Amino acid sequence: AGKTTTLRILACDLLPTSGSVRVGGLDVVEKPHEVRG
């Protein structure tokens, strides 16, 4: 269904093709290292 792929994007293990994901105000594409922390 796409569960694991979604989780990997949230964990910065994969980058999205498009769209935005922000964790604690940080964008997973622009600041992946900070998000992983």
PDB file of all heavy atoms in Angstrom:
ATOM      1  N   ALA A   1       0.812  -1.220   0.000  1.00  0.00           N
ATOM      2  CA  ALA A   1       0.000   0.000   0.000  1.00  0.00           C
ATOM      3  C   ALA A   1       0.842   1.265   0.000  1.00  0.00           C
ATOM      4  O   ALA A   1       0.336   2.345  -0.302  1.00  0.00           O
ATOM      5  CB  ALA A   1      -0.933   0.015   1.209  1.00  0.00           C
ATOM      6  N   GLY A   2       2.132   1.159   0.348  1.00  0.00           N
ATOM      7  CA  GLY A   2       3.007   2.329   0.395  1.00  0.00           C
ATOM      8  C   GLY A   2       3.421   2.728   1.798  1.00  0.00           C
ATOM      9  O   GLY A   2       4.026   3.784   1.993  1.00  0.00           O
ATOM     10  N   LYS A   3       3.134   1.881   2.800  1.00  0.00           N
ATOM     11  CA  LYS A   3       3.437   2.219   4.197  1.00  0.00           C
ATOM     12  C   LYS A   3       4.942   2.373   4.420  1.00  0.00           C
ATOM     13  O   LYS A   3       5.404   3.385   4.958  1.00  0.00           O
ATOM     14  CB  LYS A   3       2.890   1.140   5.140  1.00  0.00           C
ATOM     15  CG  LYS A   3       1.406   0.894   5.038  1.00  0.00           C
ATOM     16  CD  LYS A   3       0.916  -0.024   6.129  1.00  0.00           C
ATOM     17  CE  LYS A   3       1.618  -1.378   6.174  1.00  0.00           C
ATOM     18  NZ  LYS A   3       1.376  -2.169   4.940  1.00  0.00           N
ATOM     19  N   THR A   4       5.711   1.356   4.024  1.00  0.00           N
ATOM     20  CA  THR A   4       7.148   1.374   4.293  1.00  0.00           C
ATOM     21  C   THR A   4       7.842   2.507   3.543  1.00  0.00           C
ATOM     22  O   THR A   4       8.722   3.182   4.092  1.00  0.00           O
ATOM     23  CB  THR A   4       7.782   0.020   3.915  1.00  0.00           C
ATOM     24  OG1 THR A   4       7.289  -0.987   4.813  1.00  0.00           O
ATOM     25  CG2 THR A   4       9.303   0.075   4.024  1.00  0.00           C
ATOM     26  N   THR A   5       7.447   2.746   2.303  1.00  0.00           N
ATOM     27  CA  THR A   5       8.040   3.857   1.545  1.00  0.00           C
ATOM     28  C   THR A   5       7.755   5.182   2.241  1.00  0.00           C
ATOM     29  O   THR A   5       8.646   6.038   2.359  1.00  0.00           O
ATOM     30  CB  THR A   5       7.490   3.879   0.110  1.00  0.00           C
ATOM     31  OG1 THR A   5       7.826   2.654  -0.546  1.00  0.00           O
ATOM     32  CG2 THR A   5       8.066   5.046  -0.674  1.00  0.00           C
ATOM     33  N   THR A   6       6.541   5.372   2.726  1.00  0.00           N
ATOM     34  CA  THR A   6       6.202   6.600   3.451  1.00  0.00           C
ATOM     35  C   THR A   6       7.066   6.753   4.694  1.00  0.00           C
ATOM     36  O   THR A   6       7.595   7.840   4.968  1.00  0.00           O
ATOM     37  CB  THR A   6       4.715   6.590   3.843  1.00  0.00           C
ATOM     38  OG1 THR A   6       3.913   6.484   2.660  1.00  0.00           O
ATOM     39  CG2 THR A   6       4.340   7.849   4.603  1.00  0.00           C
ATOM     40  N   LEU A   7       7.248   5.670   5.444  1.00  0.00           N
ATOM     41  CA  LEU A   7       8.063   5.739   6.654  1.00  0.00           C
ATOM     42  C   LEU A   7       9.522   6.039   6.325  1.00  0.00           C
ATOM     43  O   LEU A   7      10.186   6.796   7.044  1.00  0.00           O
ATOM     44  CB  LEU A   7       7.969   4.418   7.430  1.00  0.00           C
ATOM     45  CG  LEU A   7       6.612   4.072   8.044  1.00  0.00           C
ATOM     46  CD1 LEU A   7       6.728   2.817   8.891  1.00  0.00           C
ATOM     47  CD2 LEU A   7       6.073   5.219   8.881  1.00  0.00           C
ATOM     48  N   ARG A   8      10.029   5.463   5.265  1.00  0.00           N
ATOM     49  CA  ARG A   8      11.422   5.715   4.889  1.00  0.00           C
ATOM     50  C   ARG A   8      11.634   7.174   4.501  1.00  0.00           C
ATOM     51  O   ARG A   8      12.696   7.747   4.771  1.00  0.00           O
ATOM     52  CB  ARG A   8      11.836   4.790   3.743  1.00  0.00           C
ATOM     53  CG  ARG A   8      11.949   3.322   4.148  1.00  0.00           C
ATOM     54  CD  ARG A   8      12.395   2.458   2.981  1.00  0.00           C
ATOM     55  NE  ARG A   8      13.751   2.785   2.581  1.00  0.00           N
ATOM     56  CZ  ARG A   8      14.355   2.302   1.484  1.00  0.00           C
ATOM     57  NH1 ARG A   8      13.671   1.482   0.677  1.00  0.00           N
ATOM     58  NH2 ARG A   8      15.584   2.638   1.200  1.00  0.00           N
ATOM     59  N   ILE A   9      10.633   7.786   3.887  1.00  0.00           N
ATOM     60  CA  ILE A   9      10.734   9.210   3.561  1.00  0.00           C
ATOM     61  C   ILE A   9      10.709  10.046   4.842  1.00  0.00           C
ATOM     62  O   ILE A   9      11.501  10.983   5.006  1.00  0.00           O
ATOM     63  CB  ILE A   9       9.606   9.631   2.605  1.00  0.00           C
ATOM     64  CG1 ILE A   9       9.810   8.975   1.226  1.00  0.00           C
ATOM     65  CG2 ILE A   9       9.552  11.149   2.462  1.00  0.00           C
ATOM     66  CD1 ILE A   9       8.641   9.160   0.278  1.00  0.00           C
ATOM     67  N   LEU A  10       9.832   9.694   5.787  1.00  0.00           N
ATOM     68  CA  LEU A  10       9.768  10.424   7.055  1.00  0.00           C
ATOM     69  C   LEU A  10      11.074  10.311   7.829  1.00  0.00           C
ATOM     70  O   LEU A  10      11.479  11.243   8.523  1.00  0.00           O
ATOM     71  CB  LEU A  10       8.615   9.894   7.907  1.00  0.00           C
ATOM     72  CG  LEU A  10       7.202  10.156   7.399  1.00  0.00           C
ATOM     73  CD1 LEU A  10       6.179   9.528   8.336  1.00  0.00           C
ATOM     74  CD2 LEU A  10       6.940  11.642   7.266  1.00  0.00           C
ATOM     75  N   ALA A  11      11.751   9.165   7.702  1.00  0.00           N
ATOM     76  CA  ALA A  11      13.008   8.938   8.410  1.00  0.00           C
ATOM     77  C   ALA A  11      14.222   9.432   7.637  1.00  0.00           C
ATOM     78  O   ALA A  11      15.354   9.239   8.072  1.00  0.00           O
ATOM     79  CB  ALA A  11      13.167   7.447   8.717  1.00  0.00           C
ATOM     80  N   CYS A  12      13.991  10.067   6.482  1.00  0.00           N
ATOM     81  CA  CYS A  12      15.083  10.553   5.619  1.00  0.00           C
ATOM     82  C   CYS A  12      15.954   9.418   5.101  1.00  0.00           C
ATOM     83  O   CYS A  12      17.144   9.604   4.829  1.00  0.00           O
ATOM     84  CB  CYS A  12      15.946  11.581   6.342  1.00  0.00           C
ATOM     85  SG  CYS A  12      15.213  13.209   6.395  1.00  0.00           S
ATOM     86  N   ASP A  13      15.378   8.242   4.965  1.00  0.00           N
ATOM     87  CA  ASP A  13      16.084   7.123   4.341  1.00  0.00           C
ATOM     88  C   ASP A  13      15.862   7.135   2.832  1.00  0.00           C
ATOM     89  O   ASP A  13      16.623   6.546   2.081  1.00  0.00           O
ATOM     90  CB  ASP A  13      15.568   5.809   4.951  1.00  0.00           C
ATOM     91  CG  ASP A  13      16.406   4.610   4.552  1.00  0.00           C
ATOM     92  OD1 ASP A  13      17.636   4.762   4.460  1.00  0.00           O
ATOM     93  OD2 ASP A  13      15.827   3.530   4.324  1.00  0.00           O
ATOM     94  N   LEU A  14      14.792   7.814   2.396  1.00  0.00           N
ATOM     95  CA  LEU A  14      14.490   8.037   0.984  1.00  0.00           C
ATOM     96  C   LEU A  14      14.101   9.497   0.800  1.00  0.00           C
ATOM     97  O   LEU A  14      13.551  10.115   1.724  1.00  0.00           O
ATOM     98  CB  LEU A  14      13.302   7.174   0.534  1.00  0.00           C
ATOM     99  CG  LEU A  14      13.513   5.717   0.160  1.00  0.00           C
ATOM    100  CD1 LEU A  14      12.158   5.103  -0.191  1.00  0.00           C
ATOM    101  CD2 LEU A  14      14.474   5.565  -0.999  1.00  0.00           C
ATOM    102  N   LEU A  15      14.362  10.040  -0.371  1.00  0.00           N
ATOM    103  CA  LEU A  15      13.900  11.379  -0.689  1.00  0.00           C
ATOM    104  C   LEU A  15      12.621  11.286  -1.519  1.00  0.00           C
ATOM    105  O   LEU A  15      12.479  10.387  -2.340  1.00  0.00           O
ATOM    106  CB  LEU A  15      14.975  12.147  -1.469  1.00  0.00           C
ATOM    107  CG  LEU A  15      16.233  12.514  -0.692  1.00  0.00           C
ATOM    108  CD1 LEU A  15      17.217  13.229  -1.613  1.00  0.00           C
ATOM    109  CD2 LEU A  15      15.912  13.381   0.517  1.00  0.00           C
ATOM    110  N   PRO A  16      11.681  12.216  -1.313  1.00  0.00           N
ATOM    111  CA  PRO A  16      10.454  12.201  -2.115  1.00  0.00           C
ATOM    112  C   PRO A  16      10.726  12.628  -3.547  1.00  0.00           C
ATOM    113  O   PRO A  16      11.693  13.345  -3.823  1.00  0.00           O
ATOM    114  CB  PRO A  16       9.563  13.213  -1.399  1.00  0.00           C
ATOM    115  CG  PRO A  16      10.510  14.154  -0.735  1.00  0.00           C
ATOM    116  CD  PRO A  16      11.694  13.319  -0.336  1.00  0.00           C
ATOM    117  N   THR A  17       9.874  12.188  -4.458  1.00  0.00           N
ATOM    118  CA  THR A  17       9.956  12.669  -5.842  1.00  0.00           C
ATOM    119  C   THR A  17       9.509  14.119  -5.914  1.00  0.00           C
ATOM    120  O   THR A  17      10.120  14.941  -6.601  1.00  0.00           O
ATOM    121  CB  THR A  17       9.088  11.799  -6.761  1.00  0.00           C
ATOM    122  OG1 THR A  17       9.545  10.444  -6.679  1.00  0.00           O
ATOM    123  CG2 THR A  17       9.190  12.266  -8.210  1.00  0.00           C
ATOM    124  N   SER A  18       8.447  14.442  -5.212  1.00  0.00           N
ATOM    125  CA  SER A  18       7.989  15.834  -5.129  1.00  0.00           C
ATOM    126  C   SER A  18       7.110  15.986  -3.906  1.00  0.00           C
ATOM    127  O   SER A  18       6.799  15.021  -3.207  1.00  0.00           O
ATOM    128  CB  SER A  18       7.236  16.230  -6.392  1.00  0.00           C
ATOM    129  OG  SER A  18       5.996  15.555  -6.448  1.00  0.00           O
ATOM    130  N   GLY A  19       6.694  17.237  -3.660  1.00  0.00           N
ATOM    131  CA  GLY A  19       5.937  17.526  -2.463  1.00  0.00           C
ATOM    132  C   GLY A  19       6.877  17.924  -1.341  1.00  0.00           C
ATOM    133  O   GLY A  19       8.095  17.977  -1.519  1.00  0.00           O
ATOM    134  N   SER A  20       6.326  18.214  -0.179  1.00  0.00           N
ATOM    135  CA  SER A  20       7.152  18.640   0.948  1.00  0.00           C
ATOM    136  C   SER A  20       6.843  17.816   2.185  1.00  0.00           C
ATOM    137  O   SER A  20       5.696  17.444   2.438  1.00  0.00           O
ATOM    138  CB  SER A  20       6.930  20.123   1.247  1.00  0.00           C
ATOM    139  OG  SER A  20       5.622  20.354   1.734  1.00  0.00           O
ATOM    140  N   VAL A  21       7.897  17.530   2.946  1.00  0.00           N
ATOM    141  CA  VAL A  21       7.781  16.862   4.237  1.00  0.00           C
ATOM    142  C   VAL A  21       8.635  17.656   5.215  1.00  0.00           C
ATOM    143  O   VAL A  21       9.842  17.822   5.009  1.00  0.00           O
ATOM    144  CB  VAL A  21       8.266  15.404   4.184  1.00  0.00           C
ATOM    145  CG1 VAL A  21       8.162  14.761   5.565  1.00  0.00           C
ATOM    146  CG2 VAL A  21       7.481  14.600   3.163  1.00  0.00           C
ATOM    147  N   ARG A  22       8.002  18.140   6.280  1.00  0.00           N
ATOM    148  CA  ARG A  22       8.719  18.923   7.282  1.00  0.00           C
ATOM    149  C   ARG A  22       8.573  18.232   8.632  1.00  0.00           C
ATOM    150  O   ARG A  22       7.468  17.885   9.053  1.00  0.00           O
ATOM    151  CB  ARG A  22       8.187  20.349   7.356  1.00  0.00           C
ATOM    152  CG  ARG A  22       8.279  21.102   6.028  1.00  0.00           C
ATOM    153  CD  ARG A  22       7.759  22.520   6.139  1.00  0.00           C
ATOM    154  NE  ARG A  22       8.658  23.363   6.918  1.00  0.00           N
ATOM    155  CZ  ARG A  22       9.711  23.993   6.394  1.00  0.00           C
ATOM    156  NH1 ARG A  22       9.995  23.866   5.101  1.00  0.00           N
ATOM    157  NH2 ARG A  22      10.485  24.739   7.147  1.00  0.00           N
ATOM    158  N   VAL A  23       9.718  18.042   9.292  1.00  0.00           N
ATOM    159  CA  VAL A  23       9.760  17.418  10.616  1.00  0.00           C
ATOM    160  C   VAL A  23      10.333  18.444  11.586  1.00  0.00           C
ATOM    161  O   VAL A  23      11.476  18.872  11.437  1.00  0.00           O
ATOM    162  CB  VAL A  23      10.621  16.143  10.615  1.00  0.00           C
ATOM    163  CG1 VAL A  23      10.714  15.563  12.023  1.00  0.00           C
ATOM    164  CG2 VAL A  23      10.048  15.111   9.658  1.00  0.00           C
ATOM    165  N   GLY A  24       9.531  18.859  12.558  1.00  0.00           N
ATOM    166  CA  GLY A  24       9.993  19.881  13.487  1.00  0.00           C
ATOM    167  C   GLY A  24      10.379  21.171  12.796  1.00  0.00           C
ATOM    168  O   GLY A  24      11.292  21.877  13.236  1.00  0.00           O
ATOM    169  N   GLY A  25       9.696  21.483  11.700  1.00  0.00           N
ATOM    170  CA  GLY A  25       9.970  22.700  10.960  1.00  0.00           C
ATOM    171  C   GLY A  25      11.077  22.589   9.938  1.00  0.00           C
ATOM    172  O   GLY A  25      11.329  23.534   9.191  1.00  0.00           O
ATOM    173  N   LEU A  26      11.750  21.425   9.866  1.00  0.00           N
ATOM    174  CA  LEU A  26      12.868  21.230   8.944  1.00  0.00           C
ATOM    175  C   LEU A  26      12.407  20.426   7.734  1.00  0.00           C
ATOM    176  O   LEU A  26      11.738  19.395   7.882  1.00  0.00           O
ATOM    177  CB  LEU A  26      14.025  20.513   9.639  1.00  0.00           C
ATOM    178  CG  LEU A  26      14.641  21.220  10.853  1.00  0.00           C
ATOM    179  CD1 LEU A  26      15.660  20.317  11.533  1.00  0.00           C
ATOM    180  CD2 LEU A  26      15.292  22.533  10.434  1.00  0.00           C
ATOM    181  N   ASP A  27      12.795  20.854   6.545  1.00  0.00           N
ATOM    182  CA  ASP A  27      12.442  20.161   5.317  1.00  0.00           C
ATOM    183  C   ASP A  27      13.385  18.977   5.107  1.00  0.00           C
ATOM    184  O   ASP A  27      14.609  19.118   5.209  1.00  0.00           O
ATOM    185  CB  ASP A  27      12.543  21.116   4.120  1.00  0.00           C
ATOM    186  CG  ASP A  27      11.962  20.515   2.860  1.00  0.00           C
ATOM    187  OD1 ASP A  27      12.665  19.701   2.217  1.00  0.00           O
ATOM    188  OD2 ASP A  27      10.816  20.858   2.518  1.00  0.00           O
ATOM    189  N   VAL A  28      12.813  17.795   4.792  1.00  0.00           N
ATOM    190  CA  VAL A  28      13.635  16.585   4.672  1.00  0.00           C
ATOM    191  C   VAL A  28      14.553  16.624   3.455  1.00  0.00           C
ATOM    192  O   VAL A  28      15.558  15.910   3.411  1.00  0.00           O
ATOM    193  CB  VAL A  28      12.761  15.314   4.618  1.00  0.00           C
ATOM    194  CG1 VAL A  28      11.929  15.162   5.874  1.00  0.00           C
ATOM    195  CG2 VAL A  28      11.882  15.297   3.377  1.00  0.00           C
ATOM    196  N   VAL A  29      14.223  17.440   2.443  1.00  0.00           N
ATOM    197  CA  VAL A  29      15.082  17.557   1.259  1.00  0.00           C
ATOM    198  C   VAL A  29      16.173  18.585   1.482  1.00  0.00           C
ATOM    199  O   VAL A  29      17.337  18.364   1.156  1.00  0.00           O
ATOM    200  CB  VAL A  29      14.233  17.928   0.019  1.00  0.00           C
ATOM    201  CG1 VAL A  29      15.133  18.173  -1.196  1.00  0.00           C
ATOM    202  CG2 VAL A  29      13.232  16.817  -0.286  1.00  0.00           C
ATOM    203  N   GLU A  30      15.816  19.715   2.066  1.00  0.00           N
ATOM    204  CA  GLU A  30      16.782  20.796   2.255  1.00  0.00           C
ATOM    205  C   GLU A  30      17.751  20.521   3.397  1.00  0.00           C
ATOM    206  O   GLU A  30      18.925  20.898   3.321  1.00  0.00           O
ATOM    207  CB  GLU A  30      16.034  22.109   2.516  1.00  0.00           C
ATOM    208  CG  GLU A  30      15.188  22.584   1.338  1.00  0.00           C
ATOM    209  CD  GLU A  30      14.380  23.812   1.682  1.00  0.00           C
ATOM    210  OE1 GLU A  30      14.436  24.258   2.869  1.00  0.00           O
ATOM    211  OE2 GLU A  30      13.696  24.344   0.791  1.00  0.00           O
ATOM    212  N   LYS A  31      17.284  19.867   4.470  1.00  0.00           N
ATOM    213  CA  LYS A  31      18.136  19.649   5.642  1.00  0.00           C
ATOM    214  C   LYS A  31      18.005  18.215   6.159  1.00  0.00           C
ATOM    215  O   LYS A  31      17.599  17.981   7.295  1.00  0.00           O
ATOM    216  CB  LYS A  31      17.772  20.642   6.745  1.00  0.00           C
ATOM    217  CG  LYS A  31      18.004  22.098   6.339  1.00  0.00           C
ATOM    218  CD  LYS A  31      17.737  23.053   7.487  1.00  0.00           C
ATOM    219  CE  LYS A  31      18.039  24.487   7.081  1.00  0.00           C
ATOM    220  NZ  LYS A  31      17.803  25.442   8.188  1.00  0.00           N
ATOM    221  N   PRO A  32      18.381  17.238   5.318  1.00  0.00           N
ATOM    222  CA  PRO A  32      18.196  15.833   5.729  1.00  0.00           C
ATOM    223  C   PRO A  32      19.022  15.444   6.951  1.00  0.00           C
ATOM    224  O   PRO A  32      18.563  14.664   7.782  1.00  0.00           O
ATOM    225  CB  PRO A  32      18.617  15.050   4.488  1.00  0.00           C
ATOM    226  CG  PRO A  32      19.509  15.981   3.725  1.00  0.00           C
ATOM    227  CD  PRO A  32      18.968  17.347   3.981  1.00  0.00           C
ATOM    228  N   HIS A  33      20.248  15.948   7.085  1.00  0.00           N
ATOM    229  CA  HIS A  33      21.091  15.572   8.221  1.00  0.00           C
ATOM    230  C   HIS A  33      20.507  16.077   9.533  1.00  0.00           C
ATOM    231  O   HIS A  33      20.515  15.359  10.550  1.00  0.00           O
ATOM    232  CB  HIS A  33      22.505  16.106   8.029  1.00  0.00           C
ATOM    233  CG  HIS A  33      23.210  15.526   6.842  1.00  0.00           C
ATOM    234  ND1 HIS A  33      23.492  14.182   6.734  1.00  0.00           N
ATOM    235  CD2 HIS A  33      23.673  16.110   5.708  1.00  0.00           C
ATOM    236  CE1 HIS A  33      24.098  13.949   5.582  1.00  0.00           C
ATOM    237  NE2 HIS A  33      24.225  15.098   4.935  1.00  0.00           N
ATOM    238  N   GLU A  34      19.982  17.320   9.518  1.00  0.00           N
ATOM    239  CA  GLU A  34      19.360  17.856  10.728  1.00  0.00           C
ATOM    240  C   GLU A  34      18.097  17.077  11.093  1.00  0.00           C
ATOM    241  O   GLU A  34      17.836  16.809  12.271  1.00  0.00           O
ATOM    242  CB  GLU A  34      19.028  19.337  10.538  1.00  0.00           C
ATOM    243  CG  GLU A  34      20.228  20.252  10.497  1.00  0.00           C
ATOM    244  CD  GLU A  34      20.813  20.407   9.103  1.00  0.00           C
ATOM    245  OE1 GLU A  34      20.550  19.516   8.238  1.00  0.00           O
ATOM    246  OE2 GLU A  34      21.529  21.391   8.860  1.00  0.00           O
ATOM    247  N   VAL A  35      17.327  16.685  10.078  1.00  0.00           N
ATOM    248  CA  VAL A  35      16.116  15.900  10.342  1.00  0.00           C
ATOM    249  C   VAL A  35      16.482  14.548  10.943  1.00  0.00           C
ATOM    250  O   VAL A  35      15.848  14.096  11.907  1.00  0.00           O
ATOM    251  CB  VAL A  35      15.294  15.716   9.055  1.00  0.00           C
ATOM    252  CG1 VAL A  35      14.138  14.740   9.298  1.00  0.00           C
ATOM    253  CG2 VAL A  35      14.742  17.054   8.567  1.00  0.00           C
ATOM    254  N   ARG A  36      17.500  13.890  10.394  1.00  0.00           N
ATOM    255  CA  ARG A  36      17.896  12.572  10.926  1.00  0.00           C
ATOM    256  C   ARG A  36      18.272  12.659  12.398  1.00  0.00           C
ATOM    257  O   ARG A  36      18.094  11.702  13.152  1.00  0.00           O
ATOM    258  CB  ARG A  36      19.065  12.009  10.114  1.00  0.00           C
ATOM    259  CG  ARG A  36      18.669  11.582   8.703  1.00  0.00           C
ATOM    260  CD  ARG A  36      19.801  10.847   8.014  1.00  0.00           C
ATOM    261  NE  ARG A  36      19.482  10.603   6.618  1.00  0.00           N
ATOM    262  CZ  ARG A  36      20.013  11.269   5.599  1.00  0.00           C
ATOM    263  NH1 ARG A  36      20.910  12.225   5.826  1.00  0.00           N
ATOM    264  NH2 ARG A  36      19.651  10.997   4.362  1.00  0.00           N
ATOM    265  N   GLY A  37      18.802  13.801  12.822  1.00  0.00           N
ATOM    266  CA  GLY A  37      19.148  13.967  14.228  1.00  0.00           C
ATOM    267  C   GLY A  37      17.932  13.996  15.134  1.00  0.00           C
ATOM    268  O   GLY A  37      18.039  13.727  16.336  1.00  0.00           O
TER     269      GLY A  37
END
